[in-house]
Amino acid sequence: DYLIVGIHGDATVNRVRGMNLPLMNLHERVLSVLGCRFADDVLIDAPYDVSMEMIASLNISEVVGTNDHDIGEFEMKSQTHRYRHAEQAGLLHLMDIPSKFNMGRIVERIQRNQEAYQAKFERKMAAER
């Protein structure tokens, strides 16, 4: 087996997910995936839709996606559409994410830490006056 991991470009992620995402830029995400021992190769700036041409040219035998419960209704419809060719070819496998740790929780943690830092900074500034 040979695992190719497709990583979408920053503009694609931001268009689909919004909220000033991605948190890591494309190069950081590529390096993170390349550091994973299970990934054999990375498709940089992978197209959002998996086409039959891509399946044929990369000799793809299985397309794996997630049942991501952290996405909105637009993204759910888009996800169904983006995998349509893989599904028609019988190559699509959708997995549930076992962890409850998702992008929404990461953003919440960042916001809480930012608020705590802001409050600490304001207390420090008030004490210096």
Foldseek 3Di string as FASTA:
>chain_A
DAAEAEDAAFVVCCVFVNPPDDPDHQVVVLVVVVPDPRHRYYHGNDDQADDPVNCVVVVPQADEEEPDPPHDPVVVVSNCVRCVVCVVVVRYDYYYDPDPDDPVVVVVVVVVVVVVVVVVVVVVVVVVD
